[in-house]
Amino acid sequence: MTKEQIALRAHNYTKRINALNDSIVSLTDSITNYQPDHVLVLGIMLAEYTEKLNDLDVTKEYMVSFEGGGWNTIYATNDEDALTFAKAEHDGEHTIVSSVRLSTPSGMEAALRSFY
């Protein structure tokens, strides 16, 4: 994801978290309309969105591909930083970074098969 996409998701998750918090407070403050099942479900939704919001800032592994073949990995929190870090670390006389993509288990397995 790009920085812009991450910022948009963070904004949307924050709005949802605030709405859920307000709903939980409203339901628990209302003696006549108190619905424990609804509060429980809203609490679960709140925990899910909070986890998603926190996961946006987690460092992820990216696969770096080089012009002419070859690969390596780098860690970053978003696509733009991954490309910047990869170029800073790997661009040189014999290697030029052509692309970066989020690493997946199947992608890593396929890349590692080239060593067998």
PDB file of N, CA and C in Angstrom:
ATOM      1  N   MET A   1       0.836  -1.178   0.000  1.00  0.00           N
ATOM      2  CA  MET A   1       0.000   0.000   0.000  1.00  0.00           C
ATOM      3  C   MET A   1       0.880   1.241   0.000  1.00  0.00           C
ATOM      4  N   THR A   2       0.381   2.266  -0.618  1.00  0.00           N
ATOM      5  CA  THR A   2       1.112   3.521  -0.643  1.00  0.00           C
ATOM      6  C   THR A   2       0.826   4.302   0.645  1.00  0.00           C
ATOM      7  N   LYS A   3       1.626   5.335   0.870  1.00  0.00           N
ATOM      8  CA  LYS A   3       1.407   6.174   2.057  1.00  0.00           C
ATOM      9  C   LYS A   3       0.022   6.798   2.035  1.00  0.00           C
ATOM     10  N   GLU A   4      -0.425   7.204   0.850  1.00  0.00           N
ATOM     11  CA  GLU A   4      -1.742   7.828   0.713  1.00  0.00           C
ATOM     12  C   GLU A   4      -2.859   6.840   1.052  1.00  0.00           C
ATOM     13  N   GLN A   5      -2.730   5.606   0.572  1.00  0.00           N
ATOM     14  CA  GLN A   5      -3.729   4.576   0.874  1.00  0.00           C
ATOM     15  C   GLN A   5      -3.749   4.257   2.366  1.00  0.00           C
ATOM     16  N   ILE A   6      -2.576   4.200   2.977  1.00  0.00           N
ATOM     17  CA  ILE A   6      -2.486   3.932   4.415  1.00  0.00           C
ATOM     18  C   ILE A   6      -3.139   5.063   5.204  1.00  0.00           C
ATOM     19  N   ALA A   7      -2.866   6.304   4.804  1.00  0.00           N
ATOM     20  CA  ALA A   7      -3.459   7.451   5.502  1.00  0.00           C
ATOM     21  C   ALA A   7      -4.982   7.433   5.385  1.00  0.00           C
ATOM     22  N   LEU A   8      -5.498   7.084   4.202  1.00  0.00           N
ATOM     23  CA  LEU A   8      -6.950   7.026   4.010  1.00  0.00           C
ATOM     24  C   LEU A   8      -7.567   5.917   4.871  1.00  0.00           C
ATOM     25  N   ARG A   9      -6.946   4.751   4.886  1.00  0.00           N
ATOM     26  CA  ARG A   9      -7.458   3.661   5.732  1.00  0.00           C
ATOM     27  C   ARG A   9      -7.400   4.031   7.210  1.00  0.00           C
ATOM     28  N   ALA A  10      -6.301   4.653   7.631  1.00  0.00           N
ATOM     29  CA  ALA A  10      -6.171   5.062   9.032  1.00  0.00           C
ATOM     30  C   ALA A  10      -7.285   6.044   9.397  1.00  0.00           C
ATOM     31  N   HIS A  11      -7.563   6.982   8.500  1.00  0.00           N
ATOM     32  CA  HIS A  11      -8.634   7.957   8.737  1.00  0.00           C
ATOM     33  C   HIS A  11      -9.988   7.251   8.869  1.00  0.00           C
ATOM     34  N   ASN A  12     -10.266   6.327   7.942  1.00  0.00           N
ATOM     35  CA  ASN A  12     -11.551   5.605   7.975  1.00  0.00           C
ATOM     36  C   ASN A  12     -11.668   4.713   9.205  1.00  0.00           C
ATOM     37  N   TYR A  13     -10.612   4.015   9.553  1.00  0.00           N
ATOM     38  CA  TYR A  13     -10.646   3.167  10.756  1.00  0.00           C
ATOM     39  C   TYR A  13     -10.860   4.010  11.998  1.00  0.00           C
ATOM     40  N   THR A  14     -10.206   5.155  12.083  1.00  0.00           N
ATOM     41  CA  THR A  14     -10.358   6.038  13.242  1.00  0.00           C
ATOM     42  C   THR A  14     -11.802   6.526  13.363  1.00  0.00           C
ATOM     43  N   LYS A  15     -12.409   6.898  12.232  1.00  0.00           N
ATOM     44  CA  LYS A  15     -13.810   7.328  12.264  1.00  0.00           C
ATOM     45  C   LYS A  15     -14.717   6.197  12.751  1.00  0.00           C
ATOM     46  N   ARG A  16     -14.461   4.981  12.294  1.00  0.00           N
ATOM     47  CA  ARG A  16     -15.277   3.830  12.717  1.00  0.00           C
ATOM     48  C   ARG A  16     -15.072   3.540  14.198  1.00  0.00           C
ATOM     49  N   ILE A  17     -13.851   3.627  14.657  1.00  0.00           N
ATOM     50  CA  ILE A  17     -13.554   3.389  16.078  1.00  0.00           C
ATOM     51  C   ILE A  17     -14.277   4.413  16.942  1.00  0.00           C
ATOM     52  N   ASN A  18     -14.242   5.675  16.537  1.00  0.00           N
ATOM     53  CA  ASN A  18     -14.938   6.723  17.292  1.00  0.00           C
ATOM     54  C   ASN A  18     -16.446   6.498  17.301  1.00  0.00           C
ATOM     55  N   ALA A  19     -17.010   6.098  16.168  1.00  0.00           N
ATOM     56  CA  ALA A  19     -18.448   5.838  16.093  1.00  0.00           C
ATOM     57  C   ALA A  19     -18.830   4.656  16.981  1.00  0.00           C
ATOM     58  N   LEU A  20     -18.010   3.608  16.964  1.00  0.00           N
ATOM     59  CA  LEU A  20     -18.296   2.449  17.815  1.00  0.00           C
ATOM     60  C   LEU A  20     -18.198   2.805  19.292  1.00  0.00           C
ATOM     61  N   ASN A  21     -17.168   3.580  19.665  1.00  0.00           N
ATOM     62  CA  ASN A  21     -17.047   4.020  21.061  1.00  0.00           C
ATOM     63  C   ASN A  21     -18.269   4.809  21.491  1.00  0.00           C
ATOM     64  N   ASP A  22     -18.708   5.744  20.639  1.00  0.00           N
ATOM     65  CA  ASP A  22     -19.888   6.550  20.964  1.00  0.00           C
ATOM     66  C   ASP A  22     -21.132   5.678  21.093  1.00  0.00           C
ATOM     67  N   SER A  23     -21.267   4.688  20.212  1.00  0.00           N
ATOM     68  CA  SER A  23     -22.427   3.796  20.271  1.00  0.00           C
ATOM     69  C   SER A  23     -22.427   2.962  21.537  1.00  0.00           C
ATOM     70  N   ILE A  24     -21.262   2.460  21.914  1.00  0.00           N
ATOM     71  CA  ILE A  24     -21.162   1.662  23.141  1.00  0.00           C
ATOM     72  C   ILE A  24     -21.534   2.503  24.353  1.00  0.00           C
ATOM     73  N   VAL A  25     -21.016   3.722  24.425  1.00  0.00           N
ATOM     74  CA  VAL A  25     -21.337   4.610  25.543  1.00  0.00           C
ATOM     75  C   VAL A  25     -22.824   4.918  25.562  1.00  0.00           C
ATOM     76  N   SER A  26     -23.384   5.191  24.392  1.00  0.00           N
ATOM     77  CA  SER A  26     -24.812   5.512  24.303  1.00  0.00           C
ATOM     78  C   SER A  26     -25.675   4.332  24.751  1.00  0.00           C
ATOM     79  N   LEU A  27     -25.300   3.133  24.315  1.00  0.00           N
ATOM     80  CA  LEU A  27     -26.091   1.955  24.698  1.00  0.00           C
ATOM     81  C   LEU A  27     -25.969   1.630  26.181  1.00  0.00           C
ATOM     82  N   THR A  28     -24.779   1.769  26.727  1.00  0.00           N
ATOM     83  CA  THR A  28     -24.605   1.422  28.144  1.00  0.00           C
ATOM     84  C   THR A  28     -25.172   2.497  29.061  1.00  0.00           C
ATOM     85  N   ASP A  29     -25.265   3.743  28.589  1.00  0.00           N
ATOM     86  CA  ASP A  29     -25.848   4.812  29.402  1.00  0.00           C
ATOM     87  C   ASP A  29     -27.380   4.767  29.415  1.00  0.00           C
ATOM     88  N   SER A  30     -27.954   4.155  28.397  1.00  0.00           N
ATOM     89  CA  SER A  30     -29.405   4.102  28.282  1.00  0.00           C
ATOM     90  C   SER A  30     -29.942   2.898  29.057  1.00  0.00           C
ATOM     91  N   ILE A  31     -30.637   3.171  30.143  1.00  0.00           N
ATOM     92  CA  ILE A  31     -31.152   2.092  30.986  1.00  0.00           C
ATOM     93  C   ILE A  31     -32.309   1.383  30.298  1.00  0.00           C
ATOM     94  N   THR A  32     -33.132   2.103  29.570  1.00  0.00           N
ATOM     95  CA  THR A  32     -34.314   1.490  28.956  1.00  0.00           C
ATOM     96  C   THR A  32     -33.967   0.683  27.700  1.00  0.00           C
ATOM     97  N   ASN A  33     -32.940   1.074  26.972  1.00  0.00           N
ATOM     98  CA  ASN A  33     -32.601   0.390  25.726  1.00  0.00           C
ATOM     99  C   ASN A  33     -31.309  -0.415  25.826  1.00  0.00           C
ATOM    100  N   TYR A  34     -30.871  -0.726  27.027  1.00  0.00           N
ATOM    101  CA  TYR A  34     -29.600  -1.447  27.188  1.00  0.00           C
ATOM    102  C   TYR A  34     -29.699  -2.833  26.570  1.00  0.00           C
ATOM    103  N   GLN A  35     -28.807  -3.121  25.626  1.00  0.00           N
ATOM    104  CA  GLN A  35     -28.769  -4.406  24.922  1.00  0.00           C
ATOM    105  C   GLN A  35     -27.377  -5.006  25.093  1.00  0.00           C
ATOM    106  N   PRO A  36     -27.186  -5.897  26.068  1.00  0.00           N
ATOM    107  CA  PRO A  36     -25.846  -6.446  26.301  1.00  0.00           C
ATOM    108  C   PRO A  36     -25.270  -7.162  25.080  1.00  0.00           C
ATOM    109  N   ASP A  37     -26.139  -7.832  24.303  1.00  0.00           N
ATOM    110  CA  ASP A  37     -25.647  -8.515  23.102  1.00  0.00           C
ATOM    111  C   ASP A  37     -25.099  -7.513  22.086  1.00  0.00           C
ATOM    112  N   HIS A  38     -25.778  -6.391  21.937  1.00  0.00           N
ATOM    113  CA  HIS A  38     -25.319  -5.364  21.001  1.00  0.00           C
ATOM    114  C   HIS A  38     -23.999  -4.755  21.463  1.00  0.00           C
ATOM    115  N   VAL A  39     -23.876  -4.517  22.748  1.00  0.00           N
ATOM    116  CA  VAL A  39     -22.642  -3.956  23.295  1.00  0.00           C
ATOM    117  C   VAL A  39     -21.488  -4.934  23.076  1.00  0.00           C
ATOM    118  N   LEU A  40     -21.750  -6.218  23.263  1.00  0.00           N
ATOM    119  CA  LEU A  40     -20.724  -7.237  23.045  1.00  0.00           C
ATOM    120  C   LEU A  40     -20.260  -7.243  21.584  1.00  0.00           C
ATOM    121  N   VAL A  41     -21.193  -7.223  20.659  1.00  0.00           N
ATOM    122  CA  VAL A  41     -20.850  -7.219  19.228  1.00  0.00           C
ATOM    123  C   VAL A  41     -20.091  -5.942  18.866  1.00  0.00           C
ATOM    124  N   LEU A  42     -20.545  -4.815  19.366  1.00  0.00           N
ATOM    125  CA  LEU A  42     -19.839  -3.561  19.090  1.00  0.00           C
ATOM    126  C   LEU A  42     -18.421  -3.580  19.667  1.00  0.00           C
ATOM    127  N   GLY A  43     -18.259  -4.202  20.829  1.00  0.00           N
ATOM    128  CA  GLY A  43     -16.928  -4.327  21.422  1.00  0.00           C
ATOM    129  C   GLY A  43     -15.999  -5.176  20.559  1.00  0.00           C
ATOM    130  N   ILE A  44     -16.548  -6.247  19.987  1.00  0.00           N
ATOM    131  CA  ILE A  44     -15.757  -7.094  19.087  1.00  0.00           C
ATOM    132  C   ILE A  44     -15.368  -6.309  17.840  1.00  0.00           C
ATOM    133  N   MET A  45     -16.315  -5.570  17.269  1.00  0.00           N
ATOM    134  CA  MET A  45     -16.025  -4.750  16.090  1.00  0.00           C
ATOM    135  C   MET A  45     -14.974  -3.693  16.417  1.00  0.00           C
ATOM    136  N   LEU A  46     -15.074  -3.098  17.592  1.00  0.00           N
ATOM    137  CA  LEU A  46     -14.108  -2.099  18.025  1.00  0.00           C
ATOM    138  C   LEU A  46     -12.705  -2.699  18.105  1.00  0.00           C
ATOM    139  N   ALA A  47     -12.600  -3.885  18.671  1.00  0.00           N
ATOM    140  CA  ALA A  47     -11.303  -4.554  18.772  1.00  0.00           C
ATOM    141  C   ALA A  47     -10.741  -4.870  17.390  1.00  0.00           C
ATOM    142  N   GLU A  48     -11.599  -5.300  16.461  1.00  0.00           N
ATOM    143  CA  GLU A  48     -11.145  -5.613  15.101  1.00  0.00           C
ATOM    144  C   GLU A  48     -10.598  -4.373  14.397  1.00  0.00           C
ATOM    145  N   TYR A  49     -11.324  -3.259  14.467  1.00  0.00           N
ATOM    146  CA  TYR A  49     -10.864  -2.034  13.806  1.00  0.00           C
ATOM    147  C   TYR A  49      -9.620  -1.458  14.475  1.00  0.00           C
ATOM    148  N   THR A  50      -9.530  -1.590  15.786  1.00  0.00           N
ATOM    149  CA  THR A  50      -8.329  -1.124  16.483  1.00  0.00           C
ATOM    150  C   THR A  50      -7.118  -1.936  16.030  1.00  0.00           C
ATOM    151  N   GLU A  51      -7.285  -3.238  15.883  1.00  0.00           N
ATOM    152  CA  GLU A  51      -6.191  -4.096  15.401  1.00  0.00           C
ATOM    153  C   GLU A  51      -5.798  -3.721  13.968  1.00  0.00           C
ATOM    154  N   LYS A  52      -6.790  -3.498  13.112  1.00  0.00           N
ATOM    155  CA  LYS A  52      -6.499  -3.099  11.731  1.00  0.00           C
ATOM    156  C   LYS A  52      -5.744  -1.769  11.688  1.00  0.00           C
ATOM    157  N   LEU A  53      -6.143  -0.825  12.526  1.00  0.00           N
ATOM    158  CA  LEU A  53      -5.469   0.471  12.576  1.00  0.00           C
ATOM    159  C   LEU A  53      -4.020   0.299  13.015  1.00  0.00           C
ATOM    160  N   ASN A  54      -3.793  -0.526  14.032  1.00  0.00           N
ATOM    161  CA  ASN A  54      -2.428  -0.752  14.519  1.00  0.00           C
ATOM    162  C   ASN A  54      -1.568  -1.484  13.494  1.00  0.00           C
ATOM    163  N   ASP A  55      -2.177  -2.360  12.705  1.00  0.00           N
ATOM    164  CA  ASP A  55      -1.436  -3.120  11.699  1.00  0.00           C
ATOM    165  C   ASP A  55      -0.951  -2.260  10.535  1.00  0.00           C
ATOM    166  N   LEU A  56      -1.521  -1.094  10.346  1.00  0.00           N
ATOM    167  CA  LEU A  56      -1.094  -0.234   9.241  1.00  0.00           C
ATOM    168  C   LEU A  56       0.345   0.230   9.408  1.00  0.00           C
ATOM    169  N   ASP A  57       0.826   0.346  10.650  1.00  0.00           N
ATOM    170  CA  ASP A  57       2.179   0.835  10.906  1.00  0.00           C
ATOM    171  C   ASP A  57       3.203  -0.279  11.105  1.00  0.00           C
ATOM    172  N   VAL A  58       2.798  -1.522  10.903  1.00  0.00           N
ATOM    173  CA  VAL A  58       3.702  -2.649  11.104  1.00  0.00           C
ATOM    174  C   VAL A  58       4.652  -2.770   9.917  1.00  0.00           C
ATOM    175  N   THR A  59       5.903  -3.042  10.212  1.00  0.00           N
ATOM    176  CA  THR A  59       6.892  -3.252   9.163  1.00  0.00           C
ATOM    177  C   THR A  59       6.620  -4.586   8.485  1.00  0.00           C
ATOM    178  N   LYS A  60       6.646  -4.570   7.144  1.00  0.00           N
ATOM    179  CA  LYS A  60       6.380  -5.769   6.357  1.00  0.00           C
ATOM    180  C   LYS A  60       7.596  -6.112   5.504  1.00  0.00           C
ATOM    181  N   GLU A  61       7.682  -7.366   5.083  1.00  0.00           N
ATOM    182  CA  GLU A  61       8.777  -7.796   4.226  1.00  0.00           C
ATOM    183  C   GLU A  61       8.382  -7.602   2.763  1.00  0.00           C
ATOM    184  N   TYR A  62       9.279  -6.992   1.991  1.00  0.00           N
ATOM    185  CA  TYR A  62       9.078  -6.784   0.569  1.00  0.00           C
ATOM    186  C   TYR A  62      10.151  -7.539  -0.206  1.00  0.00           C
ATOM    187  N   MET A  63       9.756  -8.085  -1.348  1.00  0.00           N
ATOM    188  CA  MET A  63      10.719  -8.719  -2.243  1.00  0.00           C
ATOM    189  C   MET A  63      11.202  -7.675  -3.246  1.00  0.00           C
ATOM    190  N   VAL A  64      12.505  -7.617  -3.422  1.00  0.00           N
ATOM    191  CA  VAL A  64      13.130  -6.673  -4.342  1.00  0.00           C
ATOM    192  C   VAL A  64      13.588  -7.454  -5.567  1.00  0.00           C
ATOM    193  N   SER A  65      13.176  -7.012  -6.739  1.00  0.00           N
ATOM    194  CA  SER A  65      13.623  -7.642  -7.987  1.00  0.00           C
ATOM    195  C   SER A  65      14.628  -6.726  -8.663  1.00  0.00           C
ATOM    196  N   PHE A  66      15.638  -7.342  -9.279  1.00  0.00           N
ATOM    197  CA  PHE A  66      16.688  -6.578  -9.943  1.00  0.00           C
ATOM    198  C   PHE A  66      16.589  -6.723 -11.452  1.00  0.00           C
ATOM    199  N   GLU A  67      17.009  -5.677 -12.157  1.00  0.00           N
ATOM    200  CA  GLU A  67      17.097  -5.754 -13.616  1.00  0.00           C
ATOM    201  C   GLU A  67      18.097  -6.841 -13.966  1.00  0.00           C
ATOM    202  N   GLY A  68      17.750  -7.668 -14.924  1.00  0.00           N
ATOM    203  CA  GLY A  68      18.641  -8.745 -15.322  1.00  0.00           C
ATOM    204  C   GLY A  68      18.492  -9.989 -14.475  1.00  0.00           C
ATOM    205  N   GLY A  69      17.619  -9.976 -13.480  1.00  0.00           N
ATOM    206  CA  GLY A  69      17.372 -11.146 -12.645  1.00  0.00           C
ATOM    207  C   GLY A  69      17.910 -10.992 -11.241  1.00  0.00           C
ATOM    208  N   GLY A  70      17.458 -11.868 -10.384  1.00  0.00           N
ATOM    209  CA  GLY A  70      17.866 -11.856  -8.987  1.00  0.00           C
ATOM    210  C   GLY A  70      16.840 -11.168  -8.104  1.00  0.00           C
ATOM    211  N   TRP A  71      16.983 -11.401  -6.814  1.00  0.00           N
ATOM    212  CA  TRP A  71      16.041 -10.828  -5.852  1.00  0.00           C
ATOM    213  C   TRP A  71      16.697 -10.739  -4.485  1.00  0.00           C
ATOM    214  N   ASN A  72      16.071  -9.988  -3.618  1.00  0.00           N
ATOM    215  CA  ASN A  72      16.473  -9.869  -2.227  1.00  0.00           C
ATOM    216  C   ASN A  72      15.241  -9.418  -1.463  1.00  0.00           C
ATOM    217  N   THR A  73      15.373  -9.189  -0.182  1.00  0.00           N
ATOM    218  CA  THR A  73      14.244  -8.688   0.603  1.00  0.00           C
ATOM    219  C   THR A  73      14.646  -7.429   1.354  1.00  0.00           C
ATOM    220  N   ILE A  74      13.631  -6.671   1.721  1.00  0.00           N
ATOM    221  CA  ILE A  74      13.823  -5.443   2.496  1.00  0.00           C
ATOM    222  C   ILE A  74      12.581  -5.272   3.370  1.00  0.00           C
ATOM    223  N   TYR A  75      12.696  -4.536   4.443  1.00  0.00           N
ATOM    224  CA  TYR A  75      11.562  -4.305   5.349  1.00  0.00           C
ATOM    225  C   TYR A  75      11.177  -2.834   5.327  1.00  0.00           C
ATOM    226  N   ALA A  76       9.866  -2.583   5.240  1.00  0.00           N
ATOM    227  CA  ALA A  76       9.341  -1.216   5.228  1.00  0.00           C
ATOM    228  C   ALA A  76       7.871  -1.259   5.635  1.00  0.00           C
ATOM    229  N   THR A  77       7.297  -0.091   5.875  1.00  0.00           N
ATOM    230  CA  THR A  77       5.891  -0.023   6.267  1.00  0.00           C
ATOM    231  C   THR A  77       4.963   0.265   5.094  1.00  0.00           C
ATOM    232  N   ASN A  78       5.526   0.711   3.951  1.00  0.00           N
ATOM    233  CA  ASN A  78       4.696   1.005   2.784  1.00  0.00           C
ATOM    234  C   ASN A  78       5.511   0.828   1.506  1.00  0.00           C
ATOM    235  N   ASP A  79       4.814   0.830   0.374  1.00  0.00           N
ATOM    236  CA  ASP A  79       5.454   0.562  -0.912  1.00  0.00           C
ATOM    237  C   ASP A  79       6.523   1.596  -1.273  1.00  0.00           C
ATOM    238  N   GLU A  80       6.216   2.880  -1.045  1.00  0.00           N
ATOM    239  CA  GLU A  80       7.173   3.926  -1.415  1.00  0.00           C
ATOM    240  C   GLU A  80       8.466   3.818  -0.616  1.00  0.00           C
ATOM    241  N   ASP A  81       8.347   3.603   0.688  1.00  0.00           N
ATOM    242  CA  ASP A  81       9.552   3.452   1.517  1.00  0.00           C
ATOM    243  C   ASP A  81      10.332   2.202   1.123  1.00  0.00           C
ATOM    244  N   ALA A  82       9.616   1.133   0.774  1.00  0.00           N
ATOM    245  CA  ALA A  82      10.299  -0.095   0.360  1.00  0.00           C
ATOM    246  C   ALA A  82      11.156   0.153  -0.872  1.00  0.00           C
ATOM    247  N   LEU A  83      10.615   0.858  -1.847  1.00  0.00           N
ATOM    248  CA  LEU A  83      11.382   1.153  -3.060  1.00  0.00           C
ATOM    249  C   LEU A  83      12.561   2.067  -2.756  1.00  0.00           C
ATOM    250  N   THR A  84      12.345   3.075  -1.924  1.00  0.00           N
ATOM    251  CA  THR A  84      13.419   3.997  -1.548  1.00  0.00           C
ATOM    252  C   THR A  84      14.529   3.268  -0.810  1.00  0.00           C
ATOM    253  N   PHE A  85      14.162   2.443   0.168  1.00  0.00           N
ATOM    254  CA  PHE A  85      15.162   1.694   0.942  1.00  0.00           C
ATOM    255  C   PHE A  85      15.908   0.697   0.054  1.00  0.00           C
ATOM    256  N   ALA A  86      15.171   0.034  -0.848  1.00  0.00           N
ATOM    257  CA  ALA A  86      15.798  -0.953  -1.732  1.00  0.00           C
ATOM    258  C   ALA A  86      16.819  -0.282  -2.642  1.00  0.00           C
ATOM    259  N   LYS A  87      16.458   0.858  -3.201  1.00  0.00           N
ATOM    260  CA  LYS A  87      17.401   1.565  -4.084  1.00  0.00           C
ATOM    261  C   LYS A  87      18.609   2.056  -3.304  1.00  0.00           C
ATOM    262  N   ALA A  88      18.393   2.561  -2.103  1.00  0.00           N
ATOM    263  CA  ALA A  88      19.514   3.052  -1.294  1.00  0.00           C
ATOM    264  C   ALA A  88      20.462   1.915  -0.915  1.00  0.00           C
ATOM    265  N   GLU A  89      19.903   0.744  -0.639  1.00  0.00           N
ATOM    266  CA  GLU A  89      20.734  -0.370  -0.188  1.00  0.00           C
ATOM    267  C   GLU A  89      21.328  -1.194  -1.325  1.00  0.00           C
ATOM    268  N   HIS A  90      20.574  -1.346  -2.422  1.00  0.00           N
ATOM    269  CA  HIS A  90      20.981  -2.317  -3.433  1.00  0.00           C
ATOM    270  C   HIS A  90      21.412  -1.736  -4.780  1.00  0.00           C
ATOM    271  N   ASP A  91      20.997  -0.512  -5.113  1.00  0.00           N
ATOM    272  CA  ASP A  91      21.421   0.031  -6.404  1.00  0.00           C
ATOM    273  C   ASP A  91      22.922   0.259  -6.390  1.00  0.00           C
ATOM    274  N   GLY A  92      23.585  -0.256  -7.384  1.00  0.00           N
ATOM    275  CA  GLY A  92      25.035  -0.111  -7.459  1.00  0.00           C
ATOM    276  C   GLY A  92      25.524  -0.415  -8.858  1.00  0.00           C
ATOM    277  N   GLU A  93      26.786  -0.714  -8.954  1.00  0.00           N
ATOM    278  CA  GLU A  93      27.401  -0.960 -10.249  1.00  0.00           C
ATOM    279  C   GLU A  93      26.834  -2.220 -10.911  1.00  0.00           C
ATOM    280  N   HIS A  94      26.566  -3.243 -10.133  1.00  0.00           N
ATOM    281  CA  HIS A  94      26.139  -4.524 -10.695  1.00  0.00           C
ATOM    282  C   HIS A  94      24.671  -4.856 -10.462  1.00  0.00           C
ATOM    283  N   THR A  95      23.991  -4.126  -9.617  1.00  0.00           N
ATOM    284  CA  THR A  95      22.572  -4.384  -9.369  1.00  0.00           C
ATOM    285  C   THR A  95      21.788  -3.088  -9.470  1.00  0.00           C
ATOM    286  N   ILE A  96      20.658  -3.175 -10.151  1.00  0.00           N
ATOM    287  CA  ILE A  96      19.735  -2.046 -10.249  1.00  0.00           C
ATOM    288  C   ILE A  96      18.350  -2.566  -9.891  1.00  0.00           C
ATOM    289  N   VAL A  97      17.716  -1.929  -8.934  1.00  0.00           N
ATOM    290  CA  VAL A  97      16.382  -2.343  -8.472  1.00  0.00           C
ATOM    291  C   VAL A  97      15.378  -2.048  -9.580  1.00  0.00           C
ATOM    292  N   SER A  98      14.597  -3.067  -9.939  1.00  0.00           N
ATOM    293  CA  SER A  98      13.556  -2.848 -10.948  1.00  0.00           C
ATOM    294  C   SER A  98      12.176  -2.704 -10.309  1.00  0.00           C
ATOM    295  N   SER A  99      11.947  -3.425  -9.192  1.00  0.00           N
ATOM    296  CA  SER A  99      10.634  -3.321  -8.549  1.00  0.00           C
ATOM    297  C   SER A  99      10.687  -3.894  -7.143  1.00  0.00           C
ATOM    298  N   VAL A 100       9.652  -3.559  -6.363  1.00  0.00           N
ATOM    299  CA  VAL A 100       9.437  -4.157  -5.048  1.00  0.00           C
ATOM    300  C   VAL A 100       7.971  -4.574  -4.966  1.00  0.00           C
ATOM    301  N   ARG A 101       7.723  -5.625  -4.240  1.00  0.00           N
ATOM    302  CA  ARG A 101       6.339  -6.062  -4.012  1.00  0.00           C
ATOM    303  C   ARG A 101       6.269  -6.721  -2.642  1.00  0.00           C
ATOM    304  N   LEU A 102       5.111  -6.676  -2.059  1.00  0.00           N
ATOM    305  CA  LEU A 102       4.907  -7.271  -0.747  1.00  0.00           C
ATOM    306  C   LEU A 102       5.193  -8.768  -0.825  1.00  0.00           C
ATOM    307  N   SER A 103       5.996  -9.240   0.079  1.00  0.00           N
ATOM    308  CA  SER A 103       6.383 -10.641   0.096  1.00  0.00           C
ATOM    309  C   SER A 103       5.216 -11.503   0.558  1.00  0.00           C
ATOM    310  N   THR A 104       5.061 -12.644  -0.091  1.00  0.00           N
ATOM    311  CA  THR A 104       4.049 -13.621   0.308  1.00  0.00           C
ATOM    312  C   THR A 104       4.746 -14.957   0.529  1.00  0.00           C
ATOM    313  N   PRO A 105       4.161 -15.828   1.318  1.00  0.00           N
ATOM    314  CA  PRO A 105       4.788 -17.144   1.521  1.00  0.00           C
ATOM    315  C   PRO A 105       5.020 -17.896   0.199  1.00  0.00           C
ATOM    316  N   SER A 106       4.034 -17.848  -0.698  1.00  0.00           N
ATOM    317  CA  SER A 106       4.190 -18.566  -1.963  1.00  0.00           C
ATOM    318  C   SER A 106       5.253 -17.916  -2.843  1.00  0.00           C
ATOM    319  N   GLY A 107       5.361 -16.593  -2.812  1.00  0.00           N
ATOM    320  CA  GLY A 107       6.387 -15.890  -3.579  1.00  0.00           C
ATOM    321  C   GLY A 107       7.778 -16.206  -3.061  1.00  0.00           C
ATOM    322  N   MET A 108       7.914 -16.246  -1.737  1.00  0.00           N
ATOM    323  CA  MET A 108       9.217 -16.587  -1.156  1.00  0.00           C
ATOM    324  C   MET A 108       9.588 -18.034  -1.470  1.00  0.00           C
ATOM    325  N   GLU A 109       8.619 -18.921  -1.394  1.00  0.00           N
ATOM    326  CA  GLU A 109       8.874 -20.328  -1.696  1.00  0.00           C
ATOM    327  C   GLU A 109       9.338 -20.492  -3.136  1.00  0.00           C
ATOM    328  N   ALA A 110       8.695 -19.796  -4.062  1.00  0.00           N
ATOM    329  CA  ALA A 110       9.079 -19.873  -5.477  1.00  0.00           C
ATOM    330  C   ALA A 110      10.489 -19.314  -5.679  1.00  0.00           C
ATOM    331  N   ALA A 111      10.796 -18.206  -5.032  1.00  0.00           N
ATOM    332  CA  ALA A 111      12.117 -17.604  -5.169  1.00  0.00           C
ATOM    333  C   ALA A 111      13.197 -18.502  -4.572  1.00  0.00           C
ATOM    334  N   LEU A 112      12.922 -19.127  -3.445  1.00  0.00           N
ATOM    335  CA  LEU A 112      13.903 -19.988  -2.789  1.00  0.00           C
ATOM    336  C   LEU A 112      14.143 -21.283  -3.559  1.00  0.00           C
ATOM    337  N   ARG A 113      13.162 -21.691  -4.368  1.00  0.00           N
ATOM    338  CA  ARG A 113      13.357 -22.905  -5.173  1.00  0.00           C
ATOM    339  C   ARG A 113      14.506 -22.755  -6.146  1.00  0.00           C
ATOM    340  N   SER A 114      14.859 -21.519  -6.509  1.00  0.00           N
ATOM    341  CA  SER A 114      15.957 -21.306  -7.447  1.00  0.00           C
ATOM    342  C   SER A 114      17.299 -21.719  -6.832  1.00  0.00           C
ATOM    343  N   PHE A 115      17.355 -21.916  -5.519  1.00  0.00           N
ATOM    344  CA  PHE A 115      18.595 -22.322  -4.858  1.00  0.00           C
ATOM    345  C   PHE A 115      18.756 -23.836  -4.794  1.00  0.00           C
ATOM    346  N   TYR A 116      17.693 -24.586  -5.052  1.00  0.00           N
ATOM    347  CA  TYR A 116      17.780 -26.040  -4.918  1.00  0.00           C
ATOM    348  C   TYR A 116      18.390 -26.666  -6.149  1.00  0.00           C
TER     349      TYR A 116
END
